[in-house]
Amino acid sequence: MIQVSELIRLKGHHVHTIQKKTAVIEAARAFLEEEVSSFLVANGDQIIGIFTKNDLVRTAVNRPAGFGDLSVDSVMSSDLFTT
């Protein structure tokens, strides 16, 4: 089994972030372009949540007519536990 330290060494230290008012569709495009499955959501330089591909799928299922009017902060996970 790979250790966390080895995973970080292989993956790198770059953290992907987006701003809270980013459109959900723009974030979806960024998932593809950046080849990542989550973004930390920022309000300026403060991290306020996380937006994951799971959040995107949940939004698409709950709003089959579309989500072009939604920003990431309206559908992100915000109950983060940090140390």
PDB file of N, CA and C in Angstrom:
ATOM      1  N   MET A   1       0.849  -1.179   0.000  1.00  0.00           N
ATOM      2  CA  MET A   1       0.000   0.000   0.000  1.00  0.00           C
ATOM      3  C   MET A   1       0.889   1.235   0.000  1.00  0.00           C
ATOM      4  N   ILE A   2       0.512   2.218  -0.791  1.00  0.00           N
ATOM      5  CA  ILE A   2       1.295   3.446  -0.890  1.00  0.00           C
ATOM      6  C   ILE A   2       1.059   4.333   0.339  1.00  0.00           C
ATOM      7  N   GLN A   3       2.118   4.950   0.820  1.00  0.00           N
ATOM      8  CA  GLN A   3       2.007   5.861   1.955  1.00  0.00           C
ATOM      9  C   GLN A   3       1.649   7.256   1.460  1.00  0.00           C
ATOM     10  N   VAL A   4       0.993   8.029   2.325  1.00  0.00           N
ATOM     11  CA  VAL A   4       0.565   9.377   1.962  1.00  0.00           C
ATOM     12  C   VAL A   4       1.750  10.215   1.496  1.00  0.00           C
ATOM     13  N   SER A   5       2.869  10.123   2.183  1.00  0.00           N
ATOM     14  CA  SER A   5       4.037  10.913   1.805  1.00  0.00           C
ATOM     15  C   SER A   5       4.499  10.575   0.385  1.00  0.00           C
ATOM     16  N   GLU A   6       4.421   9.306   0.015  1.00  0.00           N
ATOM     17  CA  GLU A   6       4.805   8.887  -1.336  1.00  0.00           C
ATOM     18  C   GLU A   6       3.793   9.409  -2.354  1.00  0.00           C
ATOM     19  N   LEU A   7       2.516   9.372  -2.012  1.00  0.00           N
ATOM     20  CA  LEU A   7       1.481   9.887  -2.903  1.00  0.00           C
ATOM     21  C   LEU A   7       1.681  11.379  -3.165  1.00  0.00           C
ATOM     22  N   ILE A   8       1.959  12.138  -2.125  1.00  0.00           N
ATOM     23  CA  ILE A   8       2.204  13.572  -2.273  1.00  0.00           C
ATOM     24  C   ILE A   8       3.440  13.814  -3.127  1.00  0.00           C
ATOM     25  N   ARG A   9       4.482  13.005  -2.905  1.00  0.00           N
ATOM     26  CA  ARG A   9       5.696  13.154  -3.704  1.00  0.00           C
ATOM     27  C   ARG A   9       5.403  12.919  -5.177  1.00  0.00           C
ATOM     28  N   LEU A  10       4.595  11.910  -5.481  1.00  0.00           N
ATOM     29  CA  LEU A  10       4.263  11.587  -6.866  1.00  0.00           C
ATOM     30  C   LEU A  10       3.302  12.601  -7.482  1.00  0.00           C
ATOM     31  N   LYS A  11       2.318  13.012  -6.709  1.00  0.00           N
ATOM     32  CA  LYS A  11       1.272  13.907  -7.209  1.00  0.00           C
ATOM     33  C   LYS A  11       1.749  15.343  -7.294  1.00  0.00           C
ATOM     34  N   GLY A  12       2.548  15.751  -6.338  1.00  0.00           N
ATOM     35  CA  GLY A  12       2.995  17.133  -6.290  1.00  0.00           C
ATOM     36  C   GLY A  12       2.233  17.906  -5.230  1.00  0.00           C
ATOM     37  N   HIS A  13       2.663  19.105  -5.008  1.00  0.00           N
ATOM     38  CA  HIS A  13       2.102  19.921  -3.934  1.00  0.00           C
ATOM     39  C   HIS A  13       1.123  20.977  -4.436  1.00  0.00           C
ATOM     40  N   HIS A  14       0.867  21.011  -5.727  1.00  0.00           N
ATOM     41  CA  HIS A  14      -0.031  22.025  -6.267  1.00  0.00           C
ATOM     42  C   HIS A  14      -1.464  21.761  -5.818  1.00  0.00           C
ATOM     43  N   VAL A  15      -2.101  22.773  -5.260  1.00  0.00           N
ATOM     44  CA  VAL A  15      -3.490  22.677  -4.831  1.00  0.00           C
ATOM     45  C   VAL A  15      -4.336  23.474  -5.818  1.00  0.00           C
ATOM     46  N   HIS A  16      -5.362  22.849  -6.349  1.00  0.00           N
ATOM     47  CA  HIS A  16      -6.228  23.493  -7.330  1.00  0.00           C
ATOM     48  C   HIS A  16      -7.358  24.217  -6.611  1.00  0.00           C
ATOM     49  N   THR A  17      -7.515  25.499  -6.920  1.00  0.00           N
ATOM     50  CA  THR A  17      -8.568  26.291  -6.300  1.00  0.00           C
ATOM     51  C   THR A  17      -9.380  27.018  -7.369  1.00  0.00           C
ATOM     52  N   ILE A  18     -10.602  27.369  -7.000  1.00  0.00           N
ATOM     53  CA  ILE A  18     -11.452  28.226  -7.816  1.00  0.00           C
ATOM     54  C   ILE A  18     -12.143  29.204  -6.876  1.00  0.00           C
ATOM     55  N   GLN A  19     -12.583  30.304  -7.426  1.00  0.00           N
ATOM     56  CA  GLN A  19     -13.283  31.303  -6.631  1.00  0.00           C
ATOM     57  C   GLN A  19     -14.761  30.926  -6.489  1.00  0.00           C
ATOM     58  N   LYS A  20     -15.375  31.364  -5.398  1.00  0.00           N
ATOM     59  CA  LYS A  20     -16.725  30.931  -5.039  1.00  0.00           C
ATOM     60  C   LYS A  20     -17.783  31.296  -6.076  1.00  0.00           C
ATOM     61  N   LYS A  21     -17.614  32.343  -6.820  1.00  0.00           N
ATOM     62  CA  LYS A  21     -18.622  32.764  -7.798  1.00  0.00           C
ATOM     63  C   LYS A  21     -18.360  32.194  -9.198  1.00  0.00           C
ATOM     64  N   THR A  22     -17.437  31.239  -9.295  1.00  0.00           N
ATOM     65  CA  THR A  22     -17.200  30.553 -10.564  1.00  0.00           C
ATOM     66  C   THR A  22     -18.463  29.788 -10.950  1.00  0.00           C
ATOM     67  N   ALA A  23     -18.871  29.894 -12.195  1.00  0.00           N
ATOM     68  CA  ALA A  23     -20.042  29.155 -12.680  1.00  0.00           C
ATOM     69  C   ALA A  23     -19.767  27.656 -12.619  1.00  0.00           C
ATOM     70  N   VAL A  24     -20.782  26.892 -12.252  1.00  0.00           N
ATOM     71  CA  VAL A  24     -20.643  25.436 -12.158  1.00  0.00           C
ATOM     72  C   VAL A  24     -20.176  24.861 -13.487  1.00  0.00           C
ATOM     73  N   ILE A  25     -20.715  25.331 -14.600  1.00  0.00           N
ATOM     74  CA  ILE A  25     -20.311  24.805 -15.907  1.00  0.00           C
ATOM     75  C   ILE A  25     -18.841  25.113 -16.193  1.00  0.00           C
ATOM     76  N   GLU A  26     -18.370  26.266 -15.750  1.00  0.00           N
ATOM     77  CA  GLU A  26     -16.952  26.610 -15.912  1.00  0.00           C
ATOM     78  C   GLU A  26     -16.078  25.680 -15.070  1.00  0.00           C
ATOM     79  N   ALA A  27     -16.527  25.374 -13.861  1.00  0.00           N
ATOM     80  CA  ALA A  27     -15.787  24.436 -13.003  1.00  0.00           C
ATOM     81  C   ALA A  27     -15.766  23.050 -13.630  1.00  0.00           C
ATOM     82  N   ALA A  28     -16.871  22.643 -14.249  1.00  0.00           N
ATOM     83  CA  ALA A  28     -16.921  21.338 -14.921  1.00  0.00           C
ATOM     84  C   ALA A  28     -15.883  21.275 -16.042  1.00  0.00           C
ATOM     85  N   ARG A  29     -15.789  22.351 -16.813  1.00  0.00           N
ATOM     86  CA  ARG A  29     -14.760  22.398 -17.864  1.00  0.00           C
ATOM     87  C   ARG A  29     -13.359  22.322 -17.266  1.00  0.00           C
ATOM     88  N   ALA A  30     -13.168  23.000 -16.143  1.00  0.00           N
ATOM     89  CA  ALA A  30     -11.857  23.001 -15.487  1.00  0.00           C
ATOM     90  C   ALA A  30     -11.484  21.608 -14.986  1.00  0.00           C
ATOM     91  N   PHE A  31     -12.483  20.812 -14.535  1.00  0.00           N
ATOM     92  CA  PHE A  31     -12.202  19.426 -14.147  1.00  0.00           C
ATOM     93  C   PHE A  31     -11.547  18.689 -15.299  1.00  0.00           C
ATOM     94  N   LEU A  32     -12.087  18.872 -16.492  1.00  0.00           N
ATOM     95  CA  LEU A  32     -11.542  18.190 -17.668  1.00  0.00           C
ATOM     96  C   LEU A  32     -10.172  18.730 -18.052  1.00  0.00           C
ATOM     97  N   GLU A  33     -10.032  20.047 -18.069  1.00  0.00           N
ATOM     98  CA  GLU A  33      -8.773  20.669 -18.477  1.00  0.00           C
ATOM     99  C   GLU A  33      -7.635  20.364 -17.508  1.00  0.00           C
ATOM    100  N   GLU A  34      -7.934  20.428 -16.222  1.00  0.00           N
ATOM    101  CA  GLU A  34      -6.906  20.231 -15.191  1.00  0.00           C
ATOM    102  C   GLU A  34      -6.704  18.763 -14.836  1.00  0.00           C
ATOM    103  N   GLU A  35      -7.628  17.910 -15.292  1.00  0.00           N
ATOM    104  CA  GLU A  35      -7.592  16.477 -14.976  1.00  0.00           C
ATOM    105  C   GLU A  35      -7.545  16.241 -13.473  1.00  0.00           C
ATOM    106  N   VAL A  36      -8.473  16.905 -12.759  1.00  0.00           N
ATOM    107  CA  VAL A  36      -8.610  16.748 -11.310  1.00  0.00           C
ATOM    108  C   VAL A  36     -10.058  16.405 -10.995  1.00  0.00           C
ATOM    109  N   SER A  37     -10.302  15.984  -9.769  1.00  0.00           N
ATOM    110  CA  SER A  37     -11.664  15.619  -9.369  1.00  0.00           C
ATOM    111  C   SER A  37     -12.221  16.526  -8.274  1.00  0.00           C
ATOM    112  N   SER A  38     -11.437  17.523  -7.868  1.00  0.00           N
ATOM    113  CA  SER A  38     -11.952  18.460  -6.875  1.00  0.00           C
ATOM    114  C   SER A  38     -11.159  19.759  -6.906  1.00  0.00           C
ATOM    115  N   PHE A  39     -11.821  20.801  -6.450  1.00  0.00           N
ATOM    116  CA  PHE A  39     -11.200  22.109  -6.284  1.00  0.00           C
ATOM    117  C   PHE A  39     -11.525  22.628  -4.892  1.00  0.00           C
ATOM    118  N   LEU A  40     -10.548  23.211  -4.239  1.00  0.00           N
ATOM    119  CA  LEU A  40     -10.854  23.972  -3.044  1.00  0.00           C
ATOM    120  C   LEU A  40     -11.480  25.269  -3.499  1.00  0.00           C
ATOM    121  N   VAL A  41     -12.521  25.695  -2.795  1.00  0.00           N
ATOM    122  CA  VAL A  41     -13.247  26.903  -3.163  1.00  0.00           C
ATOM    123  C   VAL A  41     -12.789  28.035  -2.257  1.00  0.00           C
ATOM    124  N   ALA A  42     -12.446  29.155  -2.877  1.00  0.00           N
ATOM    125  CA  ALA A  42     -11.901  30.282  -2.134  1.00  0.00           C
ATOM    126  C   ALA A  42     -12.809  31.501  -2.244  1.00  0.00           C
ATOM    127  N   ASN A  43     -12.785  32.271  -1.176  1.00  0.00           N
ATOM    128  CA  ASN A  43     -13.363  33.610  -1.160  1.00  0.00           C
ATOM    129  C   ASN A  43     -12.168  34.523  -0.962  1.00  0.00           C
ATOM    130  N   GLY A  44     -11.651  35.053  -2.070  1.00  0.00           N
ATOM    131  CA  GLY A  44     -10.373  35.756  -1.998  1.00  0.00           C
ATOM    132  C   GLY A  44      -9.281  34.748  -1.746  1.00  0.00           C
ATOM    133  N   ASP A  45      -8.564  34.890  -0.638  1.00  0.00           N
ATOM    134  CA  ASP A  45      -7.511  33.922  -0.319  1.00  0.00           C
ATOM    135  C   ASP A  45      -7.895  32.996   0.833  1.00  0.00           C
ATOM    136  N   GLN A  46      -9.164  33.017   1.251  1.00  0.00           N
ATOM    137  CA  GLN A  46      -9.639  32.144   2.323  1.00  0.00           C
ATOM    138  C   GLN A  46     -10.377  30.948   1.727  1.00  0.00           C
ATOM    139  N   ILE A  47     -10.012  29.741   2.144  1.00  0.00           N
ATOM    140  CA  ILE A  47     -10.684  28.524   1.687  1.00  0.00           C
ATOM    141  C   ILE A  47     -12.002  28.390   2.450  1.00  0.00           C
ATOM    142  N   ILE A  48     -13.104  28.273   1.694  1.00  0.00           N
ATOM    143  CA  ILE A  48     -14.424  28.206   2.324  1.00  0.00           C
ATOM    144  C   ILE A  48     -15.160  26.907   2.029  1.00  0.00           C
ATOM    145  N   GLY A  49     -14.610  26.067   1.161  1.00  0.00           N
ATOM    146  CA  GLY A  49     -15.280  24.818   0.835  1.00  0.00           C
ATOM    147  C   GLY A  49     -14.513  24.014  -0.185  1.00  0.00           C
ATOM    148  N   ILE A  50     -15.166  22.965  -0.647  1.00  0.00           N
ATOM    149  CA  ILE A  50     -14.594  22.111  -1.680  1.00  0.00           C
ATOM    150  C   ILE A  50     -15.697  21.774  -2.677  1.00  0.00           C
ATOM    151  N   PHE A  51     -15.363  21.784  -3.952  1.00  0.00           N
ATOM    152  CA  PHE A  51     -16.295  21.410  -5.020  1.00  0.00           C
ATOM    153  C   PHE A  51     -15.711  20.185  -5.700  1.00  0.00           C
ATOM    154  N   THR A  52     -16.464  19.094  -5.682  1.00  0.00           N
ATOM    155  CA  THR A  52     -15.986  17.826  -6.215  1.00  0.00           C
ATOM    156  C   THR A  52     -16.824  17.401  -7.413  1.00  0.00           C
ATOM    157  N   LYS A  53     -16.314  16.419  -8.138  1.00  0.00           N
ATOM    158  CA  LYS A  53     -17.100  15.866  -9.237  1.00  0.00           C
ATOM    159  C   LYS A  53     -18.407  15.278  -8.710  1.00  0.00           C
ATOM    160  N   ASN A  54     -18.390  14.765  -7.490  1.00  0.00           N
ATOM    161  CA  ASN A  54     -19.617  14.254  -6.887  1.00  0.00           C
ATOM    162  C   ASN A  54     -20.639  15.383  -6.701  1.00  0.00           C
ATOM    163  N   ASP A  55     -20.172  16.558  -6.281  1.00  0.00           N
ATOM    164  CA  ASP A  55     -21.064  17.716  -6.174  1.00  0.00           C
ATOM    165  C   ASP A  55     -21.642  18.070  -7.539  1.00  0.00           C
ATOM    166  N   LEU A  56     -20.834  17.977  -8.568  1.00  0.00           N
ATOM    167  CA  LEU A  56     -21.280  18.272  -9.928  1.00  0.00           C
ATOM    168  C   LEU A  56     -22.361  17.287 -10.369  1.00  0.00           C
ATOM    169  N   VAL A  57     -22.136  16.004 -10.133  1.00  0.00           N
ATOM    170  CA  VAL A  57     -23.118  14.983 -10.509  1.00  0.00           C
ATOM    171  C   VAL A  57     -24.424  15.201  -9.743  1.00  0.00           C
ATOM    172  N   ARG A  58     -24.322  15.454  -8.451  1.00  0.00           N
ATOM    173  CA  ARG A  58     -25.507  15.702  -7.628  1.00  0.00           C
ATOM    174  C   ARG A  58     -26.299  16.892  -8.180  1.00  0.00           C
ATOM    175  N   THR A  59     -25.607  17.943  -8.556  1.00  0.00           N
ATOM    176  CA  THR A  59     -26.261  19.129  -9.111  1.00  0.00           C
ATOM    177  C   THR A  59     -26.956  18.800 -10.426  1.00  0.00           C
ATOM    178  N   ALA A  60     -26.291  18.041 -11.287  1.00  0.00           N
ATOM    179  CA  ALA A  60     -26.882  17.671 -12.580  1.00  0.00           C
ATOM    180  C   ALA A  60     -28.133  16.816 -12.393  1.00  0.00           C
ATOM    181  N   VAL A  61     -28.100  15.902 -11.446  1.00  0.00           N
ATOM    182  CA  VAL A  61     -29.251  15.031 -11.195  1.00  0.00           C
ATOM    183  C   VAL A  61     -30.411  15.838 -10.598  1.00  0.00           C
ATOM    184  N   ASN A  62     -30.095  16.741  -9.688  1.00  0.00           N
ATOM    185  CA  ASN A  62     -31.137  17.535  -9.031  1.00  0.00           C
ATOM    186  C   ASN A  62     -31.699  18.642  -9.912  1.00  0.00           C
ATOM    187  N   ARG A  63     -30.970  19.024 -10.960  1.00  0.00           N
ATOM    188  CA  ARG A  63     -31.422  20.104 -11.852  1.00  0.00           C
ATOM    189  C   ARG A  63     -31.278  19.664 -13.304  1.00  0.00           C
ATOM    190  N   PRO A  64     -32.095  18.696 -13.726  1.00  0.00           N
ATOM    191  CA  PRO A  64     -31.947  18.163 -15.086  1.00  0.00           C
ATOM    192  C   PRO A  64     -32.162  19.200 -16.184  1.00  0.00           C
ATOM    193  N   ALA A  65     -32.828  20.295 -15.877  1.00  0.00           N
ATOM    194  CA  ALA A  65     -33.031  21.336 -16.886  1.00  0.00           C
ATOM    195  C   ALA A  65     -31.771  22.159 -17.105  1.00  0.00           C
ATOM    196  N   GLY A  66     -30.798  22.004 -16.234  1.00  0.00           N
ATOM    197  CA  GLY A  66     -29.538  22.719 -16.388  1.00  0.00           C
ATOM    198  C   GLY A  66     -29.146  23.480 -15.143  1.00  0.00           C
ATOM    199  N   PHE A  67     -27.908  23.885 -15.125  1.00  0.00           N
ATOM    200  CA  PHE A  67     -27.393  24.602 -13.958  1.00  0.00           C
ATOM    201  C   PHE A  67     -26.527  25.777 -14.365  1.00  0.00           C
ATOM    202  N   GLY A  68     -26.815  26.328 -15.521  1.00  0.00           N
ATOM    203  CA  GLY A  68     -26.039  27.439 -16.052  1.00  0.00           C
ATOM    204  C   GLY A  68     -26.071  28.682 -15.180  1.00  0.00           C
ATOM    205  N   ASP A  69     -27.094  28.798 -14.354  1.00  0.00           N
ATOM    206  CA  ASP A  69     -27.220  29.985 -13.506  1.00  0.00           C
ATOM    207  C   ASP A  69     -26.595  29.822 -12.130  1.00  0.00           C
ATOM    208  N   LEU A  70     -26.032  28.656 -11.839  1.00  0.00           N
ATOM    209  CA  LEU A  70     -25.494  28.385 -10.501  1.00  0.00           C
ATOM    210  C   LEU A  70     -24.002  28.673 -10.420  1.00  0.00           C
ATOM    211  N   SER A  71     -23.594  29.172  -9.276  1.00  0.00           N
ATOM    212  CA  SER A  71     -22.163  29.319  -9.000  1.00  0.00           C
ATOM    213  C   SER A  71     -21.746  28.216  -8.036  1.00  0.00           C
ATOM    214  N   VAL A  72     -20.466  27.966  -8.003  1.00  0.00           N
ATOM    215  CA  VAL A  72     -19.911  26.870  -7.215  1.00  0.00           C
ATOM    216  C   VAL A  72     -20.291  26.973  -5.729  1.00  0.00           C
ATOM    217  N   ASP A  73     -20.320  28.189  -5.179  1.00  0.00           N
ATOM    218  CA  ASP A  73     -20.607  28.323  -3.752  1.00  0.00           C
ATOM    219  C   ASP A  73     -22.017  27.890  -3.373  1.00  0.00           C
ATOM    220  N   SER A  74     -22.909  27.765  -4.348  1.00  0.00           N
ATOM    221  CA  SER A  74     -24.271  27.336  -4.032  1.00  0.00           C
ATOM    222  C   SER A  74     -24.416  25.817  -3.980  1.00  0.00           C
ATOM    223  N   VAL A  75     -23.411  25.088  -4.438  1.00  0.00           N
ATOM    224  CA  VAL A  75     -23.507  23.624  -4.474  1.00  0.00           C
ATOM    225  C   VAL A  75     -22.288  22.918  -3.876  1.00  0.00           C
ATOM    226  N   MET A  76     -21.311  23.667  -3.384  1.00  0.00           N
ATOM    227  CA  MET A  76     -20.086  23.080  -2.832  1.00  0.00           C
ATOM    228  C   MET A  76     -20.363  22.447  -1.466  1.00  0.00           C
ATOM    229  N   SER A  77     -19.438  21.637  -1.033  1.00  0.00           N
ATOM    230  CA  SER A  77     -19.442  21.122   0.333  1.00  0.00           C
ATOM    231  C   SER A  77     -18.689  22.124   1.193  1.00  0.00           C
ATOM    232  N   SER A  78     -19.317  22.536   2.294  1.00  0.00           N
ATOM    233  CA  SER A  78     -18.671  23.581   3.089  1.00  0.00           C
ATOM    234  C   SER A  78     -18.382  23.194   4.524  1.00  0.00           C
ATOM    235  N   ASP A  79     -18.803  22.011   4.947  1.00  0.00           N
ATOM    236  CA  ASP A  79     -18.494  21.567   6.303  1.00  0.00           C
ATOM    237  C   ASP A  79     -17.160  20.847   6.297  1.00  0.00           C
ATOM    238  N   LEU A  80     -16.085  21.639   6.235  1.00  0.00           N
ATOM    239  CA  LEU A  80     -14.747  21.078   6.140  1.00  0.00           C
ATOM    240  C   LEU A  80     -14.140  20.925   7.517  1.00  0.00           C
ATOM    241  N   PHE A  81     -13.395  19.852   7.685  1.00  0.00           N
ATOM    242  CA  PHE A  81     -12.641  19.624   8.913  1.00  0.00           C
ATOM    243  C   PHE A  81     -11.178  19.784   8.559  1.00  0.00           C
ATOM    244  N   THR A  82     -10.531  20.758   9.148  1.00  0.00           N
ATOM    245  CA  THR A  82      -9.109  20.975   8.873  1.00  0.00           C
ATOM    246  C   THR A  82      -8.337  20.972  10.172  1.00  0.00           C
ATOM    247  N   THR A  83      -7.063  20.667  10.064  1.00  0.00           N
ATOM    248  CA  THR A  83      -6.193  20.688  11.245  1.00  0.00           C
ATOM    249  C   THR A  83      -4.991  21.545  10.973  1.00  0.00           C
TER     250      THR A  83
END
